[in-house]
Amino acid sequence: MTAPLQHYFIYTGHNSYLTGNQLIGGCTVKQIIKSLKKGVRVIELDLWPTSSKEGIHVLHGGMTMTTPVELEECLTAIKEHAFVKSPYPVIITLEDHLTPNLRDLVAKMVTEIFGDKLYHPEAGDHNKFPSPEALKHRILLSTKQPKEHLDEINGSQGDNISNLNHDLTQLFEIDFEDENEDAANENPGQKTTPGYTQLIGIHAAKPDKKLSKAFNS
């Protein structure tokens, strides 16, 4: 297990917090724990603001009737059970529907809860990813970069996803919802602190439609 991480198939969960169906099912940390005990290495969390807009909960979709669970509960459950079945890294994919100030809260939560277990990518890591062996007992965050952050770095640099992250995106088959929907939640002029974007170990994006069609045909 010494080749770069993207060289491997990874046991991936989808809507890892959800019980029952995607419209009226419940959200619970028990399902996350169950997945980790089976050896799942990728846990998906859909992040939405609470009704007060001051907290974060996990549930499926903005218009469904799924009952939410608090993000902090989910992160704590992952920390306590991530390596019960396997020492190899756990990747948390965040489907982010948050405002910039709530992303700051996410950065604070994951840093405090995971501590030294949280992977902090260094400059150049996105082009030369560590191996599963090197990432034992580490937790990585995967999500798309916030729109306002991409606007800052601008144009071709912001739109240029590395081959590594493209490979990982295809591997996980991440299908994030349209960025325009997320942008509706954002306040003009408000910016995400570097802390959130610097904690993204895998920069996710929508899979290439041509490639997806080729695999499904």
N, C-alpha and C. Protein backbone atom coordinates (compact mmCIF):
# COMPACT_ATOMS: atom_id res chain seq x y z
N MET A 1 0.84 -1.21 0.00
CA MET A 1 0.00 0.00 0.00
C MET A 1 0.87 1.26 0.00
N THR A 2 1.90 1.24 -0.81
CA THR A 2 2.84 2.36 -0.81
C THR A 2 2.75 3.24 -2.06
N ALA A 3 1.87 2.90 -2.99
CA ALA A 3 1.64 3.76 -4.16
C ALA A 3 0.74 4.93 -3.74
N PRO A 4 0.72 6.02 -4.53
CA PRO A 4 -0.17 7.14 -4.20
C PRO A 4 -1.63 6.70 -4.04
N LEU A 5 -2.34 7.41 -3.21
CA LEU A 5 -3.70 7.02 -2.82
C LEU A 5 -4.63 6.78 -4.00
N GLN A 6 -4.49 7.59 -5.06
CA GLN A 6 -5.41 7.48 -6.19
C GLN A 6 -5.21 6.21 -7.01
N HIS A 7 -4.22 5.39 -6.68
CA HIS A 7 -3.98 4.14 -7.39
C HIS A 7 -4.87 3.00 -6.89
N TYR A 8 -5.67 3.26 -5.86
CA TYR A 8 -6.42 2.18 -5.22
C TYR A 8 -7.93 2.39 -5.35
N PHE A 9 -8.66 1.26 -5.36
CA PHE A 9 -10.11 1.31 -5.18
C PHE A 9 -10.37 1.55 -3.69
N ILE A 10 -11.37 2.38 -3.39
CA ILE A 10 -11.65 2.73 -2.00
C ILE A 10 -13.10 2.40 -1.69
N TYR A 11 -13.32 1.73 -0.57
CA TYR A 11 -14.65 1.33 -0.11
C TYR A 11 -15.40 2.60 0.32
N THR A 12 -16.40 2.98 -0.48
CA THR A 12 -17.01 4.30 -0.34
C THR A 12 -18.47 4.23 0.07
N GLY A 13 -18.84 5.07 1.04
CA GLY A 13 -20.22 5.17 1.47
C GLY A 13 -20.92 6.33 0.77
N HIS A 14 -22.23 6.25 0.63
CA HIS A 14 -23.02 7.32 0.03
C HIS A 14 -24.17 7.66 0.98
N ASN A 15 -24.35 8.96 1.27
CA ASN A 15 -25.34 9.36 2.28
C ASN A 15 -25.15 8.52 3.54
N SER A 16 -23.93 8.52 4.04
CA SER A 16 -23.51 7.58 5.07
C SER A 16 -24.27 7.73 6.38
N TYR A 17 -24.93 8.84 6.58
CA TYR A 17 -25.65 9.15 7.81
C TYR A 17 -27.11 8.74 7.76
N LEU A 18 -27.60 8.30 6.60
CA LEU A 18 -29.03 8.17 6.34
C LEU A 18 -29.55 6.76 6.57
N THR A 19 -30.70 6.68 7.25
CA THR A 19 -31.42 5.41 7.37
C THR A 19 -32.72 5.54 6.57
N GLY A 20 -33.20 4.44 6.05
CA GLY A 20 -34.42 4.51 5.27
C GLY A 20 -34.19 5.17 3.92
N ASN A 21 -35.24 5.81 3.38
CA ASN A 21 -35.12 6.42 2.06
C ASN A 21 -34.64 7.87 2.15
N GLN A 22 -34.43 8.48 0.97
CA GLN A 22 -33.82 9.79 0.91
C GLN A 22 -34.81 10.94 1.03
N LEU A 23 -36.09 10.63 1.22
CA LEU A 23 -37.09 11.67 1.34
C LEU A 23 -37.55 11.88 2.78
N ILE A 24 -37.78 10.78 3.49
CA ILE A 24 -38.31 10.92 4.84
C ILE A 24 -37.52 10.09 5.86
N GLY A 25 -36.37 9.58 5.44
CA GLY A 25 -35.57 8.76 6.36
C GLY A 25 -34.95 9.59 7.46
N GLY A 26 -34.43 8.90 8.46
CA GLY A 26 -33.76 9.58 9.57
C GLY A 26 -32.27 9.68 9.34
N CYS A 27 -31.65 10.66 9.99
CA CYS A 27 -30.20 10.83 9.94
C CYS A 27 -29.65 10.51 11.33
N THR A 28 -28.63 9.67 11.40
CA THR A 28 -28.14 9.24 12.69
C THR A 28 -26.66 8.87 12.61
N VAL A 29 -25.96 9.09 13.71
CA VAL A 29 -24.55 8.70 13.75
C VAL A 29 -24.41 7.18 13.79
N LYS A 30 -25.46 6.48 14.18
CA LYS A 30 -25.38 5.02 14.26
C LYS A 30 -25.07 4.41 12.89
N GLN A 31 -25.62 5.02 11.84
CA GLN A 31 -25.36 4.51 10.50
C GLN A 31 -23.91 4.76 10.09
N ILE A 32 -23.37 5.89 10.51
CA ILE A 32 -21.96 6.19 10.24
C ILE A 32 -21.06 5.19 10.94
N ILE A 33 -21.36 4.94 12.20
CA ILE A 33 -20.57 3.98 12.98
C ILE A 33 -20.65 2.59 12.35
N LYS A 34 -21.83 2.20 11.94
CA LYS A 34 -22.02 0.89 11.30
C LYS A 34 -21.16 0.78 10.04
N SER A 35 -21.14 1.84 9.25
CA SER A 35 -20.34 1.84 8.01
C SER A 35 -18.86 1.70 8.32
N LEU A 36 -18.37 2.46 9.29
CA LEU A 36 -16.95 2.40 9.65
C LEU A 36 -16.56 1.03 10.19
N LYS A 37 -17.45 0.42 10.94
CA LYS A 37 -17.17 -0.92 11.48
C LYS A 37 -17.12 -1.97 10.38
N LYS A 38 -17.75 -1.68 9.23
CA LYS A 38 -17.69 -2.58 8.08
C LYS A 38 -16.43 -2.36 7.25
N GLY A 39 -15.72 -1.26 7.54
CA GLY A 39 -14.50 -0.99 6.79
C GLY A 39 -14.63 0.09 5.73
N VAL A 40 -15.78 0.78 5.68
CA VAL A 40 -15.95 1.88 4.73
C VAL A 40 -14.90 2.95 5.01
N ARG A 41 -14.27 3.45 3.96
CA ARG A 41 -13.19 4.43 4.11
C ARG A 41 -13.58 5.84 3.66
N VAL A 42 -14.75 5.98 3.02
CA VAL A 42 -15.22 7.30 2.61
C VAL A 42 -16.61 7.52 3.17
N ILE A 43 -16.77 8.58 3.98
CA ILE A 43 -18.04 8.91 4.60
C ILE A 43 -18.53 10.23 4.01
N GLU A 44 -19.77 10.25 3.54
CA GLU A 44 -20.34 11.46 2.94
C GLU A 44 -21.26 12.16 3.94
N LEU A 45 -21.08 13.49 4.07
CA LEU A 45 -21.93 14.31 4.94
C LEU A 45 -22.46 15.49 4.14
N ASP A 46 -23.78 15.67 4.13
CA ASP A 46 -24.39 16.83 3.49
C ASP A 46 -24.60 17.91 4.55
N LEU A 47 -23.96 19.05 4.37
CA LEU A 47 -23.96 20.10 5.38
C LEU A 47 -24.94 21.22 5.02
N TRP A 48 -25.83 21.54 5.97
CA TRP A 48 -26.81 22.61 5.78
C TRP A 48 -26.86 23.48 7.03
N PRO A 49 -27.17 24.77 6.87
CA PRO A 49 -27.35 25.63 8.05
C PRO A 49 -28.58 25.20 8.84
N THR A 50 -28.54 25.37 10.15
CA THR A 50 -29.73 25.16 10.97
C THR A 50 -30.71 26.30 10.71
N SER A 51 -31.91 26.19 11.24
CA SER A 51 -32.92 27.22 11.02
C SER A 51 -32.49 28.58 11.55
N SER A 52 -31.66 28.58 12.59
CA SER A 52 -31.16 29.83 13.15
C SER A 52 -30.02 30.44 12.33
N LYS A 53 -29.49 29.66 11.39
CA LYS A 53 -28.35 30.06 10.55
C LYS A 53 -27.05 30.20 11.36
N GLU A 54 -27.05 29.71 12.58
CA GLU A 54 -25.87 29.83 13.43
C GLU A 54 -25.19 28.49 13.68
N GLY A 55 -25.84 27.41 13.29
CA GLY A 55 -25.27 26.08 13.49
C GLY A 55 -25.30 25.28 12.21
N ILE A 56 -24.80 24.05 12.29
CA ILE A 56 -24.70 23.19 11.10
C ILE A 56 -25.30 21.83 11.42
N HIS A 57 -26.17 21.36 10.56
CA HIS A 57 -26.62 19.99 10.72
C HIS A 57 -26.48 19.23 9.41
N VAL A 58 -26.61 17.92 9.53
CA VAL A 58 -26.42 17.00 8.41
C VAL A 58 -27.77 16.40 8.06
N LEU A 59 -28.18 16.54 6.83
CA LEU A 59 -29.40 15.91 6.35
C LEU A 59 -29.35 15.83 4.83
N HIS A 60 -30.29 15.07 4.26
CA HIS A 60 -30.28 14.87 2.81
C HIS A 60 -31.17 15.88 2.13
N GLY A 61 -30.57 16.82 1.41
CA GLY A 61 -31.32 17.76 0.59
C GLY A 61 -32.03 18.84 1.36
N GLY A 62 -32.20 19.99 0.73
CA GLY A 62 -32.84 21.11 1.39
C GLY A 62 -34.35 21.01 1.43
N MET A 63 -34.96 20.23 0.54
CA MET A 63 -36.42 20.18 0.44
C MET A 63 -36.99 18.84 0.87
N THR A 64 -36.19 17.98 1.46
CA THR A 64 -36.69 16.69 1.91
C THR A 64 -37.17 16.79 3.36
N MET A 65 -37.74 15.70 3.85
CA MET A 65 -38.24 15.68 5.23
C MET A 65 -37.37 14.79 6.12
N THR A 66 -36.15 14.56 5.70
CA THR A 66 -35.25 13.77 6.54
C THR A 66 -34.93 14.53 7.82
N THR A 67 -34.88 13.81 8.93
CA THR A 67 -34.60 14.45 10.22
C THR A 67 -33.09 14.65 10.37
N PRO A 68 -32.65 15.86 10.76
CA PRO A 68 -31.22 16.15 10.78
C PRO A 68 -30.50 15.59 12.00
N VAL A 69 -29.18 15.53 11.90
CA VAL A 69 -28.31 15.20 13.02
C VAL A 69 -27.22 16.27 13.05
N GLU A 70 -26.76 16.62 14.22
CA GLU A 70 -25.77 17.69 14.35
C GLU A 70 -24.42 17.26 13.77
N LEU A 71 -23.76 18.17 13.09
CA LEU A 71 -22.45 17.87 12.50
C LEU A 71 -21.45 17.44 13.56
N GLU A 72 -21.43 18.10 14.69
CA GLU A 72 -20.46 17.77 15.73
C GLU A 72 -20.59 16.33 16.18
N GLU A 73 -21.84 15.83 16.25
CA GLU A 73 -22.06 14.42 16.61
C GLU A 73 -21.45 13.49 15.57
N CYS A 74 -21.63 13.84 14.31
CA CYS A 74 -21.10 13.00 13.22
C CYS A 74 -19.57 12.96 13.26
N LEU A 75 -18.95 14.12 13.44
CA LEU A 75 -17.49 14.19 13.47
C LEU A 75 -16.93 13.42 14.66
N THR A 76 -17.59 13.53 15.80
CA THR A 76 -17.14 12.80 16.99
C THR A 76 -17.24 11.30 16.78
N ALA A 77 -18.34 10.86 16.16
CA ALA A 77 -18.52 9.43 15.89
C ALA A 77 -17.43 8.93 14.93
N ILE A 78 -17.10 9.73 13.93
CA ILE A 78 -16.04 9.34 12.99
C ILE A 78 -14.71 9.23 13.71
N LYS A 79 -14.40 10.20 14.55
CA LYS A 79 -13.14 10.17 15.29
C LYS A 79 -13.02 8.89 16.13
N GLU A 80 -14.11 8.52 16.79
CA GLU A 80 -14.07 7.39 17.72
C GLU A 80 -14.07 6.04 17.04
N HIS A 81 -14.55 5.97 15.79
CA HIS A 81 -14.71 4.67 15.14
C HIS A 81 -13.97 4.54 13.80
N ALA A 82 -13.26 5.58 13.39
CA ALA A 82 -12.64 5.59 12.07
C ALA A 82 -11.70 4.41 11.84
N PHE A 83 -10.98 4.02 12.87
CA PHE A 83 -9.91 3.02 12.66
C PHE A 83 -10.14 1.73 13.45
N VAL A 84 -11.41 1.47 13.75
CA VAL A 84 -11.76 0.22 14.43
C VAL A 84 -11.51 -0.98 13.52
N LYS A 85 -11.88 -0.84 12.25
CA LYS A 85 -11.76 -1.94 11.30
C LYS A 85 -10.45 -1.92 10.53
N SER A 86 -9.95 -0.74 10.23
CA SER A 86 -8.76 -0.61 9.39
C SER A 86 -7.96 0.62 9.81
N PRO A 87 -6.63 0.54 9.73
CA PRO A 87 -5.79 1.70 10.06
C PRO A 87 -5.65 2.69 8.91
N TYR A 88 -6.16 2.31 7.73
CA TYR A 88 -5.95 3.16 6.56
C TYR A 88 -6.86 4.39 6.59
N PRO A 89 -6.51 5.43 5.84
CA PRO A 89 -7.16 6.74 6.00
C PRO A 89 -8.66 6.72 5.75
N VAL A 90 -9.34 7.61 6.43
CA VAL A 90 -10.77 7.84 6.21
C VAL A 90 -10.91 9.21 5.53
N ILE A 91 -11.70 9.23 4.48
CA ILE A 91 -11.97 10.46 3.74
C ILE A 91 -13.41 10.88 4.02
N ILE A 92 -13.58 12.13 4.43
CA ILE A 92 -14.92 12.68 4.65
C ILE A 92 -15.24 13.60 3.48
N THR A 93 -16.25 13.24 2.68
CA THR A 93 -16.67 14.11 1.59
C THR A 93 -17.79 15.02 2.12
N LEU A 94 -17.57 16.31 1.99
CA LEU A 94 -18.54 17.30 2.48
C LEU A 94 -19.30 17.88 1.30
N GLU A 95 -20.61 17.67 1.26
CA GLU A 95 -21.43 18.37 0.28
C GLU A 95 -21.89 19.65 0.96
N ASP A 96 -21.26 20.74 0.59
CA ASP A 96 -21.27 21.99 1.34
C ASP A 96 -22.34 22.95 0.82
N HIS A 97 -23.32 23.26 1.68
CA HIS A 97 -24.36 24.25 1.35
C HIS A 97 -24.33 25.37 2.38
N LEU A 98 -23.14 25.75 2.79
CA LEU A 98 -22.97 26.65 3.93
C LEU A 98 -22.57 28.06 3.50
N THR A 99 -22.76 29.00 4.42
CA THR A 99 -22.27 30.35 4.25
C THR A 99 -20.81 30.40 4.70
N PRO A 100 -20.06 31.43 4.30
CA PRO A 100 -18.65 31.50 4.69
C PRO A 100 -18.41 31.45 6.19
N ASN A 101 -19.25 32.13 6.98
CA ASN A 101 -19.02 32.11 8.43
C ASN A 101 -19.24 30.71 9.01
N LEU A 102 -20.15 29.92 8.41
CA LEU A 102 -20.36 28.55 8.88
C LEU A 102 -19.21 27.64 8.43
N ARG A 103 -18.59 27.95 7.31
CA ARG A 103 -17.41 27.19 6.91
C ARG A 103 -16.28 27.41 7.92
N ASP A 104 -16.19 28.63 8.43
CA ASP A 104 -15.21 28.89 9.49
C ASP A 104 -15.47 27.99 10.69
N LEU A 105 -16.76 27.80 11.00
CA LEU A 105 -17.14 26.94 12.12
C LEU A 105 -16.76 25.49 11.85
N VAL A 106 -16.94 25.04 10.60
CA VAL A 106 -16.54 23.68 10.22
C VAL A 106 -15.04 23.51 10.44
N ALA A 107 -14.25 24.49 9.98
CA ALA A 107 -12.80 24.42 10.14
C ALA A 107 -12.42 24.30 11.61
N LYS A 108 -13.09 25.07 12.45
CA LYS A 108 -12.82 25.02 13.89
C LYS A 108 -13.19 23.66 14.46
N MET A 109 -14.35 23.14 14.07
CA MET A 109 -14.82 21.84 14.58
C MET A 109 -13.86 20.71 14.23
N VAL A 110 -13.53 20.61 12.94
CA VAL A 110 -12.70 19.48 12.51
C VAL A 110 -11.30 19.56 13.13
N THR A 111 -10.80 20.78 13.28
CA THR A 111 -9.47 20.95 13.88
C THR A 111 -9.47 20.53 15.34
N GLU A 112 -10.50 20.94 16.06
CA GLU A 112 -10.57 20.63 17.49
C GLU A 112 -10.89 19.16 17.73
N ILE A 113 -11.80 18.60 16.94
CA ILE A 113 -12.23 17.21 17.17
C ILE A 113 -11.19 16.20 16.71
N PHE A 114 -10.61 16.39 15.52
CA PHE A 114 -9.69 15.40 14.97
C PHE A 114 -8.24 15.63 15.41
N GLY A 115 -7.88 16.85 15.75
CA GLY A 115 -6.53 17.11 16.23
C GLY A 115 -5.47 16.66 15.24
N ASP A 116 -4.49 15.90 15.74
CA ASP A 116 -3.37 15.45 14.91
C ASP A 116 -3.77 14.44 13.84
N LYS A 117 -4.97 13.87 13.98
CA LYS A 117 -5.44 12.90 12.98
C LYS A 117 -5.84 13.59 11.67
N LEU A 118 -6.14 14.87 11.72
CA LEU A 118 -6.59 15.58 10.53
C LEU A 118 -5.42 15.87 9.60
N TYR A 119 -5.59 15.48 8.34
CA TYR A 119 -4.55 15.69 7.34
C TYR A 119 -4.57 17.15 6.87
N HIS A 120 -3.42 17.81 6.96
CA HIS A 120 -3.26 19.18 6.48
C HIS A 120 -2.39 19.12 5.21
N PRO A 121 -2.97 19.33 4.04
CA PRO A 121 -2.16 19.25 2.81
C PRO A 121 -1.12 20.35 2.76
N GLU A 122 0.07 19.98 2.37
CA GLU A 122 1.14 20.96 2.16
C GLU A 122 1.15 21.40 0.70
N ALA A 123 1.86 22.45 0.41
CA ALA A 123 1.96 22.93 -0.96
C ALA A 123 2.51 21.82 -1.85
N GLY A 124 1.83 21.53 -2.94
CA GLY A 124 2.27 20.49 -3.87
C GLY A 124 1.67 19.13 -3.60
N ASP A 125 0.99 18.94 -2.44
CA ASP A 125 0.42 17.64 -2.11
C ASP A 125 -0.64 17.21 -3.11
N HIS A 126 -1.34 18.17 -3.75
CA HIS A 126 -2.42 17.82 -4.65
C HIS A 126 -1.91 17.23 -5.96
N ASN A 127 -0.62 17.36 -6.20
CA ASN A 127 -0.04 16.79 -7.42
C ASN A 127 0.78 15.54 -7.15
N LYS A 128 1.12 15.33 -5.90
CA LYS A 128 1.87 14.14 -5.51
C LYS A 128 1.31 13.65 -4.20
N PHE A 129 0.24 12.84 -4.31
CA PHE A 129 -0.50 12.47 -3.12
C PHE A 129 0.19 11.35 -2.34
N PRO A 130 0.13 11.39 -1.00
CA PRO A 130 0.75 10.34 -0.19
C PRO A 130 0.06 8.99 -0.40
N SER A 131 0.69 7.95 0.06
CA SER A 131 0.16 6.59 -0.05
C SER A 131 -0.75 6.27 1.13
N PRO A 132 -1.58 5.23 1.00
CA PRO A 132 -2.37 4.79 2.15
C PRO A 132 -1.50 4.44 3.36
N GLU A 133 -0.31 3.88 3.09
CA GLU A 133 0.61 3.54 4.18
C GLU A 133 1.03 4.80 4.94
N ALA A 134 1.36 5.86 4.20
CA ALA A 134 1.80 7.11 4.82
C ALA A 134 0.65 7.83 5.51
N LEU A 135 -0.59 7.51 5.12
CA LEU A 135 -1.76 8.19 5.66
C LEU A 135 -2.51 7.36 6.71
N LYS A 136 -1.87 6.33 7.22
CA LYS A 136 -2.52 5.51 8.25
C LYS A 136 -2.95 6.38 9.43
N HIS A 137 -4.17 6.10 9.93
CA HIS A 137 -4.73 6.81 11.08
C HIS A 137 -4.88 8.31 10.84
N ARG A 138 -5.08 8.69 9.57
CA ARG A 138 -5.31 10.10 9.24
C ARG A 138 -6.71 10.25 8.64
N ILE A 139 -7.28 11.42 8.83
CA ILE A 139 -8.60 11.76 8.30
C ILE A 139 -8.44 12.91 7.32
N LEU A 140 -9.01 12.75 6.11
CA LEU A 140 -8.89 13.75 5.07
C LEU A 140 -10.27 14.33 4.75
N LEU A 141 -10.30 15.61 4.41
CA LEU A 141 -11.54 16.25 3.97
C LEU A 141 -11.53 16.38 2.46
N SER A 142 -12.67 16.10 1.85
CA SER A 142 -12.83 16.26 0.41
C SER A 142 -14.08 17.08 0.14
N THR A 143 -13.93 18.17 -0.61
CA THR A 143 -15.07 18.97 -1.04
C THR A 143 -14.61 19.89 -2.15
N LYS A 144 -15.54 20.52 -2.83
CA LYS A 144 -15.15 21.50 -3.83
C LYS A 144 -14.77 22.80 -3.13
N GLN A 145 -13.86 23.53 -3.72
CA GLN A 145 -13.48 24.81 -3.14
C GLN A 145 -14.65 25.78 -3.23
N PRO A 146 -14.85 26.61 -2.20
CA PRO A 146 -15.93 27.60 -2.24
C PRO A 146 -15.79 28.53 -3.44
N LYS A 147 -16.92 28.92 -3.99
CA LYS A 147 -16.93 29.74 -5.20
C LYS A 147 -16.15 31.04 -5.01
N GLU A 148 -16.32 31.66 -3.84
CA GLU A 148 -15.64 32.94 -3.65
C GLU A 148 -14.13 32.77 -3.56
N HIS A 149 -13.68 31.58 -3.14
CA HIS A 149 -12.24 31.32 -3.11
C HIS A 149 -11.70 31.14 -4.53
N LEU A 150 -12.47 30.44 -5.36
CA LEU A 150 -12.06 30.27 -6.76
C LEU A 150 -12.04 31.61 -7.48
N ASP A 151 -12.99 32.49 -7.13
CA ASP A 151 -13.01 33.82 -7.73
C ASP A 151 -11.75 34.59 -7.38
N GLU A 152 -11.25 34.38 -6.16
CA GLU A 152 -10.06 35.08 -5.72
C GLU A 152 -8.83 34.66 -6.53
N ILE A 153 -8.65 33.35 -6.67
CA ILE A 153 -7.47 32.88 -7.39
C ILE A 153 -7.66 32.97 -8.91
N ASN A 154 -8.96 33.10 -9.33
CA ASN A 154 -9.32 33.57 -10.66
C ASN A 154 -8.99 32.63 -11.82
N GLY A 155 -9.86 32.77 -12.81
CA GLY A 155 -9.67 32.25 -14.16
C GLY A 155 -9.13 30.86 -14.30
N SER A 156 -8.11 30.75 -15.09
CA SER A 156 -7.58 29.45 -15.47
C SER A 156 -7.02 28.70 -14.28
N GLN A 157 -6.42 29.41 -13.34
CA GLN A 157 -5.86 28.74 -12.17
C GLN A 157 -6.97 28.15 -11.33
N GLY A 158 -8.06 28.91 -11.16
CA GLY A 158 -9.18 28.42 -10.36
C GLY A 158 -9.89 27.27 -11.02
N ASP A 159 -9.96 27.28 -12.35
CA ASP A 159 -10.69 26.25 -13.07
C ASP A 159 -9.85 25.02 -13.36
N ASN A 160 -8.54 25.11 -13.12
CA ASN A 160 -7.63 24.03 -13.48
C ASN A 160 -7.52 23.03 -12.34
N ILE A 161 -8.28 21.95 -12.40
CA ILE A 161 -8.21 20.89 -11.40
C ILE A 161 -7.09 19.94 -11.78
N SER A 162 -6.23 19.61 -10.83
CA SER A 162 -5.09 18.75 -11.13
C SER A 162 -5.55 17.37 -11.58
N ASN A 163 -4.68 16.66 -12.30
CA ASN A 163 -5.02 15.31 -12.75
C ASN A 163 -5.32 14.41 -11.58
N LEU A 164 -4.61 14.62 -10.47
CA LEU A 164 -4.84 13.81 -9.28
C LEU A 164 -6.25 13.97 -8.78
N ASN A 165 -6.70 15.19 -8.60
CA ASN A 165 -8.03 15.41 -8.07
C ASN A 165 -9.09 14.97 -9.06
N HIS A 166 -8.80 15.08 -10.36
CA HIS A 166 -9.72 14.59 -11.37
C HIS A 166 -9.88 13.08 -11.23
N ASP A 167 -8.75 12.38 -11.05
CA ASP A 167 -8.79 10.93 -10.87
C ASP A 167 -9.61 10.56 -9.65
N LEU A 168 -9.38 11.26 -8.55
CA LEU A 168 -10.08 10.95 -7.31
C LEU A 168 -11.57 11.24 -7.45
N THR A 169 -11.91 12.31 -8.16
CA THR A 169 -13.31 12.64 -8.37
C THR A 169 -14.01 11.52 -9.13
N GLN A 170 -13.37 11.01 -10.18
CA GLN A 170 -13.97 9.92 -10.93
C GLN A 170 -14.11 8.68 -10.06
N LEU A 171 -13.11 8.45 -9.20
CA LEU A 171 -13.12 7.27 -8.35
C LEU A 171 -14.29 7.30 -7.39
N PHE A 172 -14.53 8.47 -6.77
CA PHE A 172 -15.62 8.57 -5.80
C PHE A 172 -16.96 8.81 -6.46
N GLU A 173 -16.95 9.18 -7.78
CA GLU A 173 -18.16 9.53 -8.51
C GLU A 173 -18.94 10.59 -7.76
N ILE A 174 -18.22 11.65 -7.30
CA ILE A 174 -18.85 12.72 -6.55
C ILE A 174 -19.69 13.55 -7.51
N ASP A 175 -20.95 13.77 -7.16
CA ASP A 175 -21.84 14.56 -8.00
C ASP A 175 -22.40 15.69 -7.16
N PHE A 176 -21.60 16.74 -6.96
CA PHE A 176 -22.04 17.86 -6.15
C PHE A 176 -23.08 18.65 -6.91
N GLU A 177 -24.00 19.26 -6.16
CA GLU A 177 -25.06 20.03 -6.76
C GLU A 177 -24.51 21.33 -7.32
N ASP A 178 -25.29 21.95 -8.17
CA ASP A 178 -24.85 23.14 -8.88
C ASP A 178 -24.37 24.21 -7.92
N GLU A 179 -23.24 24.83 -8.25
CA GLU A 179 -22.67 25.86 -7.40
C GLU A 179 -23.60 27.06 -7.29
N ASN A 180 -24.48 27.26 -8.27
CA ASN A 180 -25.38 28.39 -8.20
C ASN A 180 -26.32 28.28 -7.02
N GLU A 181 -26.68 27.05 -6.66
CA GLU A 181 -27.54 26.85 -5.51
C GLU A 181 -26.82 27.25 -4.24
N ASP A 182 -25.54 26.86 -4.14
CA ASP A 182 -24.76 27.23 -2.97
C ASP A 182 -24.57 28.73 -2.91
N ALA A 183 -24.38 29.36 -4.06
CA ALA A 183 -24.11 30.79 -4.09
C ALA A 183 -25.27 31.58 -3.52
N ALA A 184 -26.48 31.03 -3.60
CA ALA A 184 -27.65 31.72 -3.07
C ALA A 184 -27.58 31.85 -1.56
N ASN A 185 -26.80 30.97 -0.92
CA ASN A 185 -26.67 31.01 0.53
C ASN A 185 -25.61 31.99 0.99
N GLU A 186 -24.85 32.56 0.08
CA GLU A 186 -23.69 33.35 0.44
C GLU A 186 -24.01 34.83 0.46
N ASN A 187 -23.43 35.54 1.43
CA ASN A 187 -23.62 36.97 1.53
C ASN A 187 -22.57 37.69 0.71
N PRO A 188 -22.96 38.65 -0.13
CA PRO A 188 -21.99 39.38 -0.95
C PRO A 188 -20.92 40.03 -0.09
N GLY A 189 -19.69 39.91 -0.54
CA GLY A 189 -18.59 40.54 0.18
C GLY A 189 -18.03 39.72 1.31
N GLN A 190 -18.71 38.62 1.68
CA GLN A 190 -18.24 37.79 2.77
C GLN A 190 -17.31 36.72 2.22
N LYS A 191 -16.19 36.49 2.89
CA LYS A 191 -15.20 35.56 2.36
C LYS A 191 -14.88 34.47 3.36
N THR A 192 -14.61 33.27 2.82
CA THR A 192 -14.20 32.16 3.67
C THR A 192 -12.77 32.37 4.13
N THR A 193 -12.51 32.10 5.38
CA THR A 193 -11.15 32.24 5.89
C THR A 193 -10.27 31.17 5.27
N PRO A 194 -8.97 31.43 5.14
CA PRO A 194 -8.07 30.43 4.55
C PRO A 194 -8.10 29.10 5.29
N GLY A 195 -8.45 29.12 6.58
CA GLY A 195 -8.46 27.89 7.35
C GLY A 195 -9.30 26.79 6.72
N TYR A 196 -10.48 27.11 6.19
CA TYR A 196 -11.36 26.11 5.60
C TYR A 196 -10.75 25.55 4.32
N THR A 197 -10.35 26.44 3.42
CA THR A 197 -9.84 25.97 2.13
C THR A 197 -8.52 25.21 2.29
N GLN A 198 -7.73 25.58 3.28
CA GLN A 198 -6.44 24.92 3.48
C GLN A 198 -6.59 23.52 4.08
N LEU A 199 -7.77 23.22 4.59
CA LEU A 199 -8.00 21.90 5.16
C LEU A 199 -8.56 20.91 4.15
N ILE A 200 -8.85 21.36 2.94
CA ILE A 200 -9.39 20.47 1.91
C ILE A 200 -8.25 19.63 1.35
N GLY A 201 -8.22 18.36 1.70
CA GLY A 201 -7.16 17.47 1.25
C GLY A 201 -7.35 17.01 -0.17
N ILE A 202 -8.62 16.86 -0.61
CA ILE A 202 -8.94 16.45 -1.97
C ILE A 202 -9.93 17.44 -2.53
N HIS A 203 -9.54 18.19 -3.54
CA HIS A 203 -10.41 19.18 -4.16
C HIS A 203 -11.34 18.47 -5.14
N ALA A 204 -12.59 18.37 -4.77
CA ALA A 204 -13.56 17.63 -5.57
C ALA A 204 -14.18 18.51 -6.63
N ALA A 205 -14.77 17.85 -7.64
CA ALA A 205 -15.48 18.54 -8.72
C ALA A 205 -16.45 17.56 -9.33
N LYS A 206 -17.32 18.09 -10.18
CA LYS A 206 -18.24 17.19 -10.87
C LYS A 206 -17.47 16.29 -11.82
N PRO A 207 -17.87 15.01 -11.93
CA PRO A 207 -17.20 14.13 -12.88
C PRO A 207 -17.37 14.63 -14.30
N ASP A 208 -16.41 14.29 -15.13
CA ASP A 208 -16.47 14.63 -16.54
C ASP A 208 -17.66 13.90 -17.17
N LYS A 209 -18.58 14.66 -17.76
CA LYS A 209 -19.80 14.06 -18.30
C LYS A 209 -19.51 13.06 -19.42
N LYS A 210 -18.55 13.38 -20.28
CA LYS A 210 -18.21 12.46 -21.37
C LYS A 210 -17.68 11.15 -20.84
N LEU A 211 -16.82 11.24 -19.78
CA LEU A 211 -16.25 10.03 -19.21
C LEU A 211 -17.32 9.21 -18.51
N SER A 212 -18.22 9.89 -17.76
CA SER A 212 -19.30 9.19 -17.08
C SER A 212 -20.20 8.47 -18.08
N LYS A 213 -20.49 9.11 -19.21
CA LYS A 213 -21.34 8.50 -20.24
C LYS A 213 -20.65 7.27 -20.83
N ALA A 214 -19.33 7.35 -21.00
CA ALA A 214 -18.60 6.23 -21.56
C ALA A 214 -18.66 5.03 -20.64
N PHE A 215 -18.55 5.27 -19.30
CA PHE A 215 -18.60 4.15 -18.36
C PHE A 215 -19.99 3.55 -18.25
N ASN A 216 -21.01 4.38 -18.45
CA ASN A 216 -22.39 3.91 -18.28
C ASN A 216 -23.00 3.34 -19.54
N SER A 217 -22.33 3.51 -20.68
CA SER A 217 -22.90 3.03 -21.94
C SER A 217 -22.64 1.54 -22.13
